[in-house]
Protein backbone atom coordinates (compact mmCIF):
# COMPACT_ATOMS: atom_id res chain seq x y z
CA MET A 1 207.82 202.72 45.96
CA ALA A 2 211.30 203.88 45.05
CA PHE A 3 210.13 207.47 44.69
CA HIS A 4 208.58 207.76 48.15
CA ASN A 5 209.54 207.72 51.77
CA GLN A 6 207.93 204.83 53.62
CA LEU A 7 205.15 205.58 56.07
CA ASN A 8 206.17 204.98 59.68
CA ALA A 9 203.27 206.34 61.71
CA LEU A 10 202.58 203.63 64.29
CA PRO A 11 204.78 205.21 66.99
CA LEU A 12 202.36 208.17 66.98
CA ALA A 13 199.77 205.96 68.67
CA VAL A 14 201.34 206.53 72.08
CA ARG A 15 200.00 210.09 72.04
CA LEU A 16 196.49 208.68 72.37
CA LYS A 17 197.18 207.01 75.71
CA ARG A 18 194.55 208.20 78.17
CA GLU A 19 195.05 209.64 81.61
CA PRO A 20 193.00 208.12 84.46
CA ALA A 21 190.61 211.09 84.76
CA GLU A 22 189.75 211.40 81.07
CA HIS A 23 186.13 211.14 79.91
CA LYS A 24 184.22 210.89 76.63
CA GLY A 25 184.67 214.60 76.01
CA SER A 26 188.42 214.03 75.90
CA ALA A 27 188.00 211.62 72.99
CA GLY A 28 185.94 213.89 70.75
CA LYS A 29 182.47 214.10 69.23
CA VAL A 30 182.28 212.81 65.65
CA ILE A 31 179.41 213.22 63.21
CA LEU A 32 179.45 210.94 60.17
CA ILE A 33 177.09 211.67 57.28
CA GLY A 34 175.89 209.29 54.56
CA GLY A 35 173.87 206.10 54.29
CA ALA A 36 171.43 206.89 51.48
CA PRO A 37 168.80 204.24 50.62
CA GLY A 38 170.51 200.98 49.73
CA MET A 39 173.84 202.16 51.15
CA ALA A 40 173.22 202.37 54.89
CA GLY A 41 175.81 199.66 55.52
CA ALA A 42 178.62 201.95 54.38
CA LEU A 43 177.80 204.48 57.09
CA ILE A 44 177.33 201.77 59.73
CA LEU A 45 180.78 200.37 58.90
CA ALA A 46 182.36 203.83 59.16
CA GLY A 47 180.54 204.39 62.44
CA ASN A 48 181.64 201.04 63.87
CA ALA A 49 185.26 201.81 63.02
CA CYS A 50 184.94 205.22 64.64
CA LEU A 51 183.37 203.70 67.75
CA HIS A 52 185.89 200.87 68.16
CA LEU A 53 188.90 203.09 67.56
CA GLY A 54 188.00 205.31 70.45
CA ALA A 55 185.85 208.33 69.59
CA GLY A 56 184.00 209.64 72.63
CA TRP A 57 180.72 210.12 70.74
CA THR A 58 179.89 208.58 67.37
CA MET A 59 176.83 210.15 65.76
CA LEU A 60 175.48 208.99 62.39
CA GLU A 61 173.36 211.28 60.23
CA MET A 62 171.59 208.68 58.07
CA LEU A 63 169.93 209.70 54.80
CA ASP A 64 167.89 206.48 54.57
CA SER A 65 164.78 206.78 56.74
CA ALA A 66 164.25 202.99 56.66
CA SER A 67 167.63 202.44 58.33
CA VAL A 68 167.24 204.92 61.18
CA HIS A 69 166.86 202.57 64.12
CA VAL A 70 168.95 201.24 66.97
CA ASP A 71 171.79 198.97 65.89
CA ILE A 72 171.21 196.04 68.23
CA ASP A 73 174.82 194.88 67.88
CA HIS A 74 176.19 198.37 68.55
CA PRO A 75 173.66 200.41 70.57
CA GLU A 76 176.44 202.89 71.37
CA LEU A 77 176.02 204.38 67.89
CA MET A 78 173.67 207.38 67.87
CA ILE A 79 171.78 207.02 64.58
CA ARG A 80 169.50 209.82 63.42
CA LEU A 81 167.64 210.72 60.25
CA ALA A 82 169.63 213.41 58.46
CA ASP A 83 167.68 216.64 58.81
CA HIS A 84 166.92 218.77 55.76
CA ASN A 85 168.51 221.71 57.59
CA PRO A 86 172.08 220.53 58.20
CA ASN A 87 173.30 223.95 59.35
CA THR A 88 171.03 223.82 62.39
CA VAL A 89 172.11 220.28 63.26
CA LEU A 90 175.80 221.12 63.03
CA ILE A 91 175.48 224.33 65.03
CA ASN A 92 173.43 222.68 67.79
CA ASN A 93 175.60 219.56 68.11
CA LYS A 94 179.01 221.28 68.00
CA PRO A 95 181.00 218.32 66.62
CA ASP A 96 184.77 218.13 67.04
CA LEU A 97 185.12 216.40 63.67
CA LEU A 98 183.00 215.67 60.59
CA ALA A 99 183.23 212.83 58.08
CA ILE A 100 180.99 212.69 55.03
CA GLY A 101 180.70 210.34 52.09
CA PRO A 102 180.13 206.67 52.96
CA GLY A 103 176.94 205.73 51.13
CA LEU A 104 176.06 209.41 50.75
CA GLY A 105 174.49 209.24 47.31
CA ARG A 106 173.90 212.29 45.13
CA SER A 107 170.52 213.59 46.22
CA GLY A 108 169.65 217.18 47.00
CA THR A 109 169.92 216.36 50.71
CA ALA A 110 173.39 214.90 50.16
CA ILE A 111 174.50 218.07 48.39
CA ALA A 112 173.06 220.28 51.14
CA TRP A 113 174.96 218.35 53.81
CA LEU A 114 178.18 218.53 51.82
CA GLN A 115 177.79 222.28 51.34
CA SER A 116 177.26 222.74 55.07
CA THR A 117 180.25 220.60 56.06
CA LEU A 118 182.54 222.48 53.69
CA ALA A 119 181.34 225.78 55.13
CA LEU A 120 181.80 224.76 58.78
CA GLU A 121 184.71 226.56 60.34
CA ASN A 122 187.99 225.22 61.54
CA ILE A 123 187.34 221.60 62.55
CA PRO A 124 188.85 218.50 60.92
CA LEU A 125 186.88 217.14 57.97
CA VAL A 126 187.15 213.75 56.22
CA LEU A 127 185.77 213.52 52.67
CA ASP A 128 185.22 210.12 51.06
CA ALA A 129 183.22 208.26 48.41
CA ASP A 130 180.22 210.19 47.06
CA ALA A 131 181.37 213.40 48.72
CA LEU A 132 184.32 213.25 46.32
CA ASN A 133 182.10 212.32 43.38
CA LEU A 134 179.85 215.31 44.06
CA ILE A 135 182.86 217.63 44.24
CA SER A 136 184.17 216.23 40.94
CA GLU A 137 180.86 217.20 39.31
CA SER A 138 180.54 220.72 40.73
CA GLU A 139 182.83 223.72 40.29
CA ASN A 140 181.03 225.39 43.21
CA LEU A 141 181.74 222.53 45.60
CA LEU A 142 185.35 222.35 44.44
CA ALA A 143 185.69 226.09 44.99
CA ALA A 144 184.23 225.71 48.50
CA LEU A 145 186.77 222.98 49.26
CA LYS A 146 189.65 225.14 48.03
CA LYS A 147 188.40 228.11 50.05
CA ARG A 148 188.20 225.98 53.20
CA ASN A 149 191.77 224.80 52.74
CA GLN A 150 193.04 228.34 52.16
CA GLU A 151 191.45 229.49 55.41
CA PHE A 152 192.14 226.40 57.54
CA LEU A 153 195.41 224.72 56.62
CA GLU A 154 195.49 220.92 56.63
CA ALA A 155 192.05 220.65 58.22
CA THR A 156 190.61 218.48 55.41
CA VAL A 157 191.56 215.00 54.23
CA LEU A 158 190.34 213.31 51.03
CA THR A 159 190.41 209.51 50.72
CA PRO A 160 189.82 208.67 47.04
CA HIS A 161 190.22 205.28 45.45
CA PRO A 162 191.59 205.34 41.87
CA GLY A 163 188.15 205.71 40.30
CA GLU A 164 187.27 208.73 42.45
CA ALA A 165 190.68 210.23 41.80
CA ALA A 166 190.09 209.84 38.07
CA LYS A 167 186.81 211.75 38.31
CA LEU A 168 188.39 214.58 40.28
CA LEU A 169 191.23 214.95 37.78
CA LYS A 170 189.14 214.25 34.64
CA LEU A 171 191.40 211.32 33.74
CA THR A 172 190.90 207.59 33.29
CA THR A 173 191.48 205.09 36.04
CA GLU A 174 194.22 203.56 33.89
CA GLN A 175 196.02 206.92 33.78
CA ILE A 176 195.72 207.21 37.56
CA GLN A 177 197.18 203.78 38.16
CA SER A 178 199.99 204.21 35.65
CA ASP A 179 201.51 207.11 37.61
CA ARG A 180 200.21 207.22 41.17
CA GLU A 181 203.01 209.55 42.27
CA SER A 182 201.96 212.19 39.77
CA THR A 183 198.29 211.59 40.61
CA ILE A 184 198.62 212.38 44.29
CA GLU A 185 200.65 215.49 43.54
CA LYS A 186 197.89 216.68 41.18
CA LEU A 187 195.17 215.96 43.73
CA VAL A 188 196.98 217.91 46.43
CA SER A 189 197.52 220.81 44.02
CA LEU A 190 193.90 220.76 42.81
CA THR A 191 192.25 220.66 46.23
CA GLY A 192 194.80 221.99 48.72
CA SER A 193 193.95 219.02 50.94
CA ILE A 194 195.65 216.16 52.68
CA VAL A 195 195.10 213.29 50.23
CA VAL A 196 195.07 209.54 50.84
CA LEU A 197 195.22 207.76 47.48
CA LYS A 198 194.00 204.27 48.25
CA GLY A 199 195.12 201.13 46.46
CA GLN A 200 198.13 198.84 46.44
CA HIS A 201 200.76 200.76 48.42
CA THR A 202 198.43 203.56 49.52
CA LEU A 203 199.97 207.02 49.26
CA ILE A 204 199.43 210.01 51.53
CA ALA A 205 200.56 213.58 50.88
CA SER A 206 199.58 217.16 51.65
CA PRO A 207 200.57 220.71 50.66
CA HIS A 208 203.16 220.63 53.47
CA HIS A 209 204.20 216.97 53.41
CA PRO A 210 205.77 215.00 50.54
CA ALA A 211 204.20 211.71 49.54
CA LEU A 212 204.65 208.74 51.85
CA VAL A 213 203.93 205.16 50.83
CA CYS A 214 202.31 202.54 53.02
CA ALA A 215 204.22 199.30 52.51
CA GLU A 216 201.64 197.24 54.40
CA GLY A 217 198.40 195.84 53.01
CA ASN A 218 197.30 192.87 50.91
CA PRO A 219 194.77 191.87 48.20
CA GLY A 220 192.23 190.83 50.84
CA MET A 221 191.53 194.51 51.36
CA GLY A 222 189.95 194.68 47.91
CA THR A 223 186.38 194.32 49.14
CA GLY A 224 183.46 196.68 49.65
CA GLY A 225 183.54 198.54 52.94
CA MET A 226 187.30 198.65 53.50
CA GLY A 227 187.39 202.30 52.51
CA ASP A 228 184.48 203.09 54.83
CA ILE A 229 186.32 201.74 57.85
CA LEU A 230 189.39 203.79 56.93
CA THR A 231 187.19 206.89 56.95
CA GLY A 232 185.85 205.95 60.38
CA GLY A 233 189.35 205.18 61.61
CA ILE A 234 190.74 208.55 60.53
CA ALA A 235 187.75 210.26 62.14
CA ALA A 236 188.23 208.48 65.47
CA LEU A 237 191.97 209.04 65.70
CA ALA A 238 191.75 212.68 64.61
CA ALA A 239 188.93 213.39 67.08
CA GLN A 240 191.02 212.00 69.95
CA GLY A 241 194.03 213.83 68.58
CA ILE A 242 192.42 217.22 69.18
CA ARG A 243 193.14 216.85 72.89
CA HIS A 244 196.05 214.43 72.56
CA HIS A 245 198.43 216.41 70.36
CA LEU A 246 197.80 214.53 67.12
CA ASP A 247 196.88 216.67 64.13
CA LEU A 248 194.83 215.56 61.11
CA TRP A 249 197.91 214.74 59.03
CA GLN A 250 199.35 212.55 61.78
CA ALA A 251 195.99 210.91 62.52
CA SER A 252 195.50 210.14 58.83
CA CYS A 253 198.97 208.60 58.55
CA LEU A 254 198.37 206.50 61.65
CA ALA A 255 194.96 205.32 60.42
CA VAL A 256 196.30 204.36 56.98
CA GLN A 257 199.08 202.24 58.42
CA LEU A 258 196.94 200.75 61.19
CA HIS A 259 194.28 199.79 58.62
CA ALA A 260 196.76 198.01 56.36
CA SER A 261 198.70 196.43 59.23
CA ALA A 262 195.49 195.01 60.71
CA ALA A 263 194.65 193.36 57.39
CA ASP A 264 198.14 191.86 57.22
CA SER A 265 197.87 190.64 60.80
CA LEU A 266 194.61 188.84 60.05
CA VAL A 267 196.09 187.17 56.96
CA SER A 268 199.06 186.01 59.03
CA LYS A 269 196.54 184.29 61.33
CA GLY A 270 194.90 182.50 58.41
CA ILE A 271 191.91 184.87 58.17
CA GLY A 272 191.93 185.82 54.48
CA ALA A 273 193.20 187.06 52.18
CA ILE A 274 190.14 185.64 50.39
CA GLY A 275 187.03 186.47 52.41
CA LEU A 276 188.66 189.06 54.68
CA THR A 277 185.92 191.42 55.87
CA PRO A 278 185.94 195.04 56.99
CA SER A 279 184.17 194.13 60.23
CA GLU A 280 186.95 191.72 61.20
CA THR A 281 189.52 194.35 60.29
CA ILE A 282 187.94 196.91 62.64
CA PHE A 283 188.51 194.67 65.65
CA GLU A 284 192.08 193.90 64.60
CA MET A 285 192.75 197.63 64.22
CA ARG A 286 191.50 198.16 67.78
CA SER A 287 193.70 195.35 69.07
CA LEU A 288 196.82 196.67 67.34
CA LEU A 289 196.15 200.23 68.47
CA ASN A 290 195.91 199.22 72.12
CA LYS A 291 199.10 197.17 71.87
CA LEU A 292 200.90 200.31 70.67
CA LEU A 293 199.91 202.43 73.68
């Protein structure tokens, strides 16, 4: 932590305060893509975080046909079977923001959706999980990511955990963890993206912003799904930020700190650290966000 400035993004939340006449269009339309067979829960978690942190529309493009049905607990989520022609879907739906990766898998359909999202013009894009794994395995996808970032500055954020970072950089996880400062600098240089390097004391950096460290967070966050809700949180805040003067860098910083602070808040109430769940953390993130407005 001595090498980094500490993240202090929570004051940015006031920019999301809504005027009385605002409507769902003011809060942005988000499409989240993923949920291959056996991994639908990852996309549902990301969608629930996006919904509860304020996106106007939350639309899930689900790759698992068996999981494409109404979520009884959250009927507000629009869940659809991911079409084999993603270009048509994206053109017709005109999203304000895309997020791809939670439970995406590595099928041909997953690759087609990733190619289409990387090619979509200047809207914010969040890349997580298998989207990052696919990029690490393909020079063409990496080149498409670099091209996007050259044309649209700071319009893409990557959220790797140490294992995904290792694949992108062709290193071991141990090498990543031994020098996280160097790792995030290499990831920014390689991809030209905003990068959130998850883990103890999550780091965030970009081509135009030096690394910041999130001092909040606790071991209870080390459970499956926590990264998915961060993806959904970034998506929701960035989608609202389009019309509320909060860019993707600022939205990502706010989401990272809100995510970790919510986990700490729950632990302070005796909920966790052992057994802390992503679903509980979503609601605490919502509560903290509204208290900041």
